[in-house]
Amino acid sequence: MSTAAHDEPGYDGPARLVSGDSSVEVTVRLRGVFQPIDGKYHWHGRVAADPSVGDLARTGASVVLQTTEGEAPARLSDEDPWGRFRVTGTGRPPFEL
């Protein structure tokens, strides 16, 4: 399901957030870019609004983001006015490049 405007690597579609024994089915929109300053690939995006995601984000637990194209460790952070949480990671993303 990789899609991206202007040929930027990315992923829009179904995903799963996993933390310990908990998992939440979500929809995500992800993009990324290689940063030459630190030599790493940085990816980021938003998780569609879901109360269960808020519960995960507030615990501060580590999560793994799984998509149909791969998986990667991720961090959940700031919630936007529409209830979507930001998700970020460094290194190999959970989508094909």
N, C-alpha and C. Protein backbone atom coordinates (compact mmCIF):
# COMPACT_ATOMS: atom_id res chain seq x y z
N MET A 1 0.81 -1.19 0.00
CA MET A 1 0.00 0.00 0.00
C MET A 1 0.85 1.26 0.00
N SER A 2 2.09 1.15 -0.34
CA SER A 2 2.93 2.33 -0.36
C SER A 2 2.39 3.34 -1.34
N THR A 3 2.19 4.53 -0.84
CA THR A 3 1.82 5.64 -1.69
C THR A 3 2.49 6.87 -1.12
N ALA A 4 2.79 7.80 -1.97
CA ALA A 4 3.40 9.02 -1.48
C ALA A 4 3.30 10.09 -2.54
N ALA A 5 3.08 11.30 -2.08
CA ALA A 5 3.06 12.43 -2.99
C ALA A 5 4.48 12.73 -3.44
N HIS A 6 4.64 13.03 -4.69
CA HIS A 6 5.94 13.44 -5.22
C HIS A 6 7.01 12.37 -5.04
N ASP A 7 6.63 11.11 -5.08
CA ASP A 7 7.55 9.99 -5.00
C ASP A 7 8.34 9.91 -3.70
N GLU A 8 7.85 10.49 -2.62
CA GLU A 8 8.49 10.34 -1.32
C GLU A 8 8.15 8.95 -0.79
N PRO A 9 9.12 8.25 -0.20
CA PRO A 9 8.79 6.95 0.38
C PRO A 9 7.77 7.11 1.50
N GLY A 10 6.82 6.22 1.55
CA GLY A 10 5.83 6.31 2.62
C GLY A 10 4.88 5.14 2.62
N TYR A 11 3.93 5.19 3.53
CA TYR A 11 2.93 4.15 3.69
C TYR A 11 1.66 4.78 4.24
N ASP A 12 0.54 4.46 3.64
CA ASP A 12 -0.78 4.86 4.12
C ASP A 12 -1.61 3.60 4.20
N GLY A 13 -2.08 3.23 5.38
CA GLY A 13 -2.91 2.05 5.45
C GLY A 13 -3.00 1.43 6.83
N PRO A 14 -3.44 0.17 6.87
CA PRO A 14 -3.64 -0.51 8.14
C PRO A 14 -2.31 -0.86 8.81
N ALA A 15 -2.34 -0.87 10.13
CA ALA A 15 -1.14 -1.20 10.91
C ALA A 15 -1.59 -1.73 12.27
N ARG A 16 -0.60 -2.16 13.03
CA ARG A 16 -0.85 -2.65 14.39
C ARG A 16 0.23 -2.05 15.28
N LEU A 17 -0.17 -1.53 16.43
CA LEU A 17 0.76 -1.09 17.46
C LEU A 17 0.81 -2.18 18.51
N VAL A 18 2.01 -2.65 18.83
CA VAL A 18 2.19 -3.73 19.79
C VAL A 18 3.05 -3.22 20.94
N SER A 19 2.58 -3.47 22.16
CA SER A 19 3.33 -3.12 23.36
C SER A 19 3.11 -4.22 24.38
N GLY A 20 4.14 -5.01 24.62
CA GLY A 20 4.00 -6.13 25.54
C GLY A 20 2.94 -7.09 25.03
N ASP A 21 1.94 -7.37 25.87
CA ASP A 21 0.85 -8.27 25.50
C ASP A 21 -0.31 -7.54 24.81
N SER A 22 -0.20 -6.23 24.69
CA SER A 22 -1.28 -5.44 24.09
C SER A 22 -1.02 -5.15 22.63
N SER A 23 -2.08 -5.15 21.83
CA SER A 23 -1.95 -4.70 20.45
C SER A 23 -3.22 -3.96 20.05
N VAL A 24 -3.05 -2.97 19.19
CA VAL A 24 -4.16 -2.15 18.75
C VAL A 24 -4.09 -2.05 17.23
N GLU A 25 -5.20 -2.38 16.56
CA GLU A 25 -5.30 -2.23 15.11
C GLU A 25 -5.56 -0.76 14.82
N VAL A 26 -4.78 -0.17 13.92
CA VAL A 26 -4.88 1.26 13.62
C VAL A 26 -4.73 1.50 12.12
N THR A 27 -4.89 2.74 11.74
CA THR A 27 -4.58 3.19 10.40
C THR A 27 -3.51 4.27 10.54
N VAL A 28 -2.50 4.22 9.69
CA VAL A 28 -1.39 5.17 9.79
C VAL A 28 -1.10 5.83 8.45
N ARG A 29 -0.44 6.96 8.55
CA ARG A 29 0.11 7.66 7.39
C ARG A 29 1.55 7.97 7.76
N LEU A 30 2.51 7.39 7.01
CA LEU A 30 3.93 7.48 7.36
C LEU A 30 4.75 8.03 6.20
N ARG A 31 5.79 8.76 6.52
CA ARG A 31 6.77 9.26 5.56
C ARG A 31 8.14 9.21 6.22
N GLY A 32 9.19 9.35 5.42
CA GLY A 32 10.53 9.34 5.99
C GLY A 32 11.54 9.97 5.08
N VAL A 33 12.72 10.19 5.66
CA VAL A 33 13.81 10.82 4.90
C VAL A 33 15.15 10.43 5.53
N PHE A 34 16.15 10.26 4.68
CA PHE A 34 17.51 10.01 5.16
C PHE A 34 18.11 11.33 5.60
N GLN A 35 18.68 11.36 6.81
CA GLN A 35 19.32 12.56 7.34
C GLN A 35 20.84 12.41 7.27
N PRO A 36 21.50 13.12 6.38
CA PRO A 36 22.96 12.96 6.25
C PRO A 36 23.74 13.42 7.48
N ILE A 37 23.15 14.26 8.31
CA ILE A 37 23.86 14.75 9.49
C ILE A 37 24.20 13.62 10.44
N ASP A 38 23.25 12.70 10.67
CA ASP A 38 23.54 11.58 11.58
C ASP A 38 23.65 10.25 10.83
N GLY A 39 23.41 10.26 9.51
CA GLY A 39 23.56 9.05 8.72
C GLY A 39 22.46 8.03 8.94
N LYS A 40 21.30 8.46 9.43
CA LYS A 40 20.21 7.54 9.71
C LYS A 40 18.94 7.94 8.95
N TYR A 41 18.07 6.95 8.75
CA TYR A 41 16.78 7.19 8.15
C TYR A 41 15.80 7.52 9.28
N HIS A 42 15.11 8.64 9.17
CA HIS A 42 14.13 9.07 10.16
C HIS A 42 12.74 9.00 9.53
N TRP A 43 11.83 8.28 10.15
CA TRP A 43 10.46 8.19 9.63
C TRP A 43 9.50 8.68 10.70
N HIS A 44 8.34 9.13 10.23
CA HIS A 44 7.37 9.75 11.13
C HIS A 44 5.99 9.69 10.49
N GLY A 45 4.98 9.98 11.28
CA GLY A 45 3.63 10.02 10.74
C GLY A 45 2.61 10.21 11.84
N ARG A 46 1.36 9.93 11.48
CA ARG A 46 0.25 10.05 12.42
C ARG A 46 -0.55 8.76 12.44
N VAL A 47 -1.04 8.43 13.62
CA VAL A 47 -1.92 7.29 13.82
C VAL A 47 -3.34 7.83 13.92
N ALA A 48 -4.26 7.27 13.15
CA ALA A 48 -5.66 7.72 13.18
C ALA A 48 -6.19 7.69 14.61
N ALA A 49 -7.08 8.60 14.90
CA ALA A 49 -7.65 8.73 16.25
C ALA A 49 -8.28 7.41 16.71
N ASP A 50 -7.90 7.01 17.94
CA ASP A 50 -8.43 5.79 18.55
C ASP A 50 -8.14 5.89 20.05
N PRO A 51 -9.13 5.74 20.92
CA PRO A 51 -8.91 5.85 22.36
C PRO A 51 -7.83 4.89 22.88
N SER A 52 -7.72 3.71 22.29
CA SER A 52 -6.72 2.74 22.74
C SER A 52 -5.30 3.23 22.49
N VAL A 53 -5.11 4.00 21.43
CA VAL A 53 -3.79 4.56 21.14
C VAL A 53 -3.42 5.56 22.22
N GLY A 54 -4.39 6.37 22.63
CA GLY A 54 -4.15 7.33 23.71
C GLY A 54 -3.72 6.63 24.98
N ASP A 55 -4.34 5.50 25.28
CA ASP A 55 -3.96 4.73 26.46
C ASP A 55 -2.51 4.27 26.36
N LEU A 56 -2.11 3.77 25.19
CA LEU A 56 -0.71 3.34 24.98
C LEU A 56 0.24 4.51 25.10
N ALA A 57 -0.11 5.64 24.49
CA ALA A 57 0.77 6.81 24.50
C ALA A 57 0.98 7.33 25.92
N ARG A 58 -0.07 7.32 26.71
CA ARG A 58 0.04 7.86 28.07
C ARG A 58 0.88 6.96 28.99
N THR A 59 0.97 5.67 28.69
CA THR A 59 1.78 4.79 29.54
C THR A 59 3.26 4.99 29.27
N GLY A 60 3.60 5.57 28.10
CA GLY A 60 5.00 5.78 27.76
C GLY A 60 5.71 4.50 27.39
N ALA A 61 4.95 3.43 27.18
CA ALA A 61 5.56 2.13 26.85
C ALA A 61 6.17 2.14 25.46
N SER A 62 7.17 1.32 25.28
CA SER A 62 7.76 1.15 23.96
C SER A 62 6.76 0.40 23.10
N VAL A 63 6.71 0.74 21.82
CA VAL A 63 5.81 0.07 20.90
C VAL A 63 6.56 -0.41 19.67
N VAL A 64 5.98 -1.38 19.01
CA VAL A 64 6.45 -1.83 17.70
C VAL A 64 5.31 -1.55 16.74
N LEU A 65 5.62 -0.88 15.64
CA LEU A 65 4.62 -0.60 14.63
C LEU A 65 4.77 -1.61 13.51
N GLN A 66 3.70 -2.37 13.28
CA GLN A 66 3.69 -3.40 12.24
C GLN A 66 2.76 -2.95 11.13
N THR A 67 3.25 -3.03 9.89
CA THR A 67 2.41 -2.75 8.72
C THR A 67 2.42 -4.00 7.84
N THR A 68 1.74 -3.93 6.72
CA THR A 68 1.75 -5.04 5.78
C THR A 68 3.11 -5.18 5.11
N GLU A 69 3.99 -4.18 5.28
CA GLU A 69 5.30 -4.17 4.62
C GLU A 69 6.48 -4.40 5.56
N GLY A 70 6.24 -4.42 6.87
CA GLY A 70 7.33 -4.63 7.81
C GLY A 70 6.97 -4.15 9.20
N GLU A 71 7.96 -4.11 10.06
CA GLU A 71 7.75 -3.63 11.43
C GLU A 71 9.00 -2.93 11.92
N ALA A 72 8.81 -2.04 12.92
CA ALA A 72 9.93 -1.29 13.47
C ALA A 72 9.56 -0.76 14.85
N PRO A 73 10.57 -0.61 15.73
CA PRO A 73 10.32 0.05 17.02
C PRO A 73 9.90 1.49 16.76
N ALA A 74 9.00 2.00 17.60
CA ALA A 74 8.49 3.35 17.39
C ALA A 74 8.20 4.02 18.73
N ARG A 75 8.03 5.34 18.63
CA ARG A 75 7.64 6.14 19.80
C ARG A 75 6.34 6.87 19.46
N LEU A 76 5.43 6.89 20.41
CA LEU A 76 4.21 7.69 20.28
C LEU A 76 4.41 8.97 21.06
N SER A 77 3.97 10.08 20.49
CA SER A 77 4.11 11.36 21.20
C SER A 77 2.90 12.23 20.96
N ASP A 78 3.09 13.50 20.85
CA ASP A 78 2.03 14.51 20.87
C ASP A 78 0.75 14.16 20.12
N GLU A 79 -0.35 14.50 20.78
CA GLU A 79 -1.68 14.31 20.20
C GLU A 79 -2.11 15.62 19.55
N ASP A 80 -2.61 15.54 18.32
CA ASP A 80 -3.07 16.76 17.65
C ASP A 80 -4.53 17.04 18.01
N PRO A 81 -5.07 18.18 17.60
CA PRO A 81 -6.45 18.53 17.95
C PRO A 81 -7.50 17.53 17.46
N TRP A 82 -7.16 16.67 16.52
CA TRP A 82 -8.10 15.70 15.98
C TRP A 82 -7.96 14.32 16.64
N GLY A 83 -7.13 14.23 17.69
CA GLY A 83 -6.99 12.97 18.42
C GLY A 83 -6.01 11.99 17.81
N ARG A 84 -5.22 12.45 16.84
CA ARG A 84 -4.22 11.58 16.22
C ARG A 84 -2.88 11.76 16.95
N PHE A 85 -2.19 10.65 17.19
CA PHE A 85 -0.89 10.71 17.84
C PHE A 85 0.22 10.63 16.82
N ARG A 86 1.30 11.36 17.07
CA ARG A 86 2.48 11.31 16.22
C ARG A 86 3.24 10.03 16.54
N VAL A 87 3.77 9.40 15.52
CA VAL A 87 4.59 8.20 15.69
C VAL A 87 5.90 8.45 14.95
N THR A 88 7.02 8.10 15.59
CA THR A 88 8.33 8.33 14.99
C THR A 88 9.24 7.14 15.21
N GLY A 89 10.24 7.04 14.36
CA GLY A 89 11.25 6.01 14.51
C GLY A 89 12.50 6.37 13.74
N THR A 90 13.57 5.68 14.04
CA THR A 90 14.84 5.89 13.37
C THR A 90 15.36 4.54 12.91
N GLY A 91 15.93 4.51 11.71
CA GLY A 91 16.45 3.27 11.17
C GLY A 91 15.48 2.70 10.15
N ARG A 92 15.55 1.40 9.94
CA ARG A 92 14.69 0.76 8.96
C ARG A 92 13.22 1.02 9.29
N PRO A 93 12.45 1.59 8.36
CA PRO A 93 11.05 1.89 8.63
C PRO A 93 10.15 0.68 8.44
N PRO A 94 8.91 0.76 8.89
CA PRO A 94 7.98 -0.35 8.73
C PRO A 94 7.27 -0.33 7.37
N PHE A 95 7.94 0.22 6.38
CA PHE A 95 7.41 0.26 5.00
C PHE A 95 8.57 0.14 4.03
N GLU A 96 8.26 -0.29 2.81
CA GLU A 96 9.29 -0.45 1.81
C GLU A 96 9.77 0.89 1.30
N LEU A 97 11.07 0.98 1.06
CA LEU A 97 11.65 2.22 0.52
C LEU A 97 11.77 2.14 -0.98
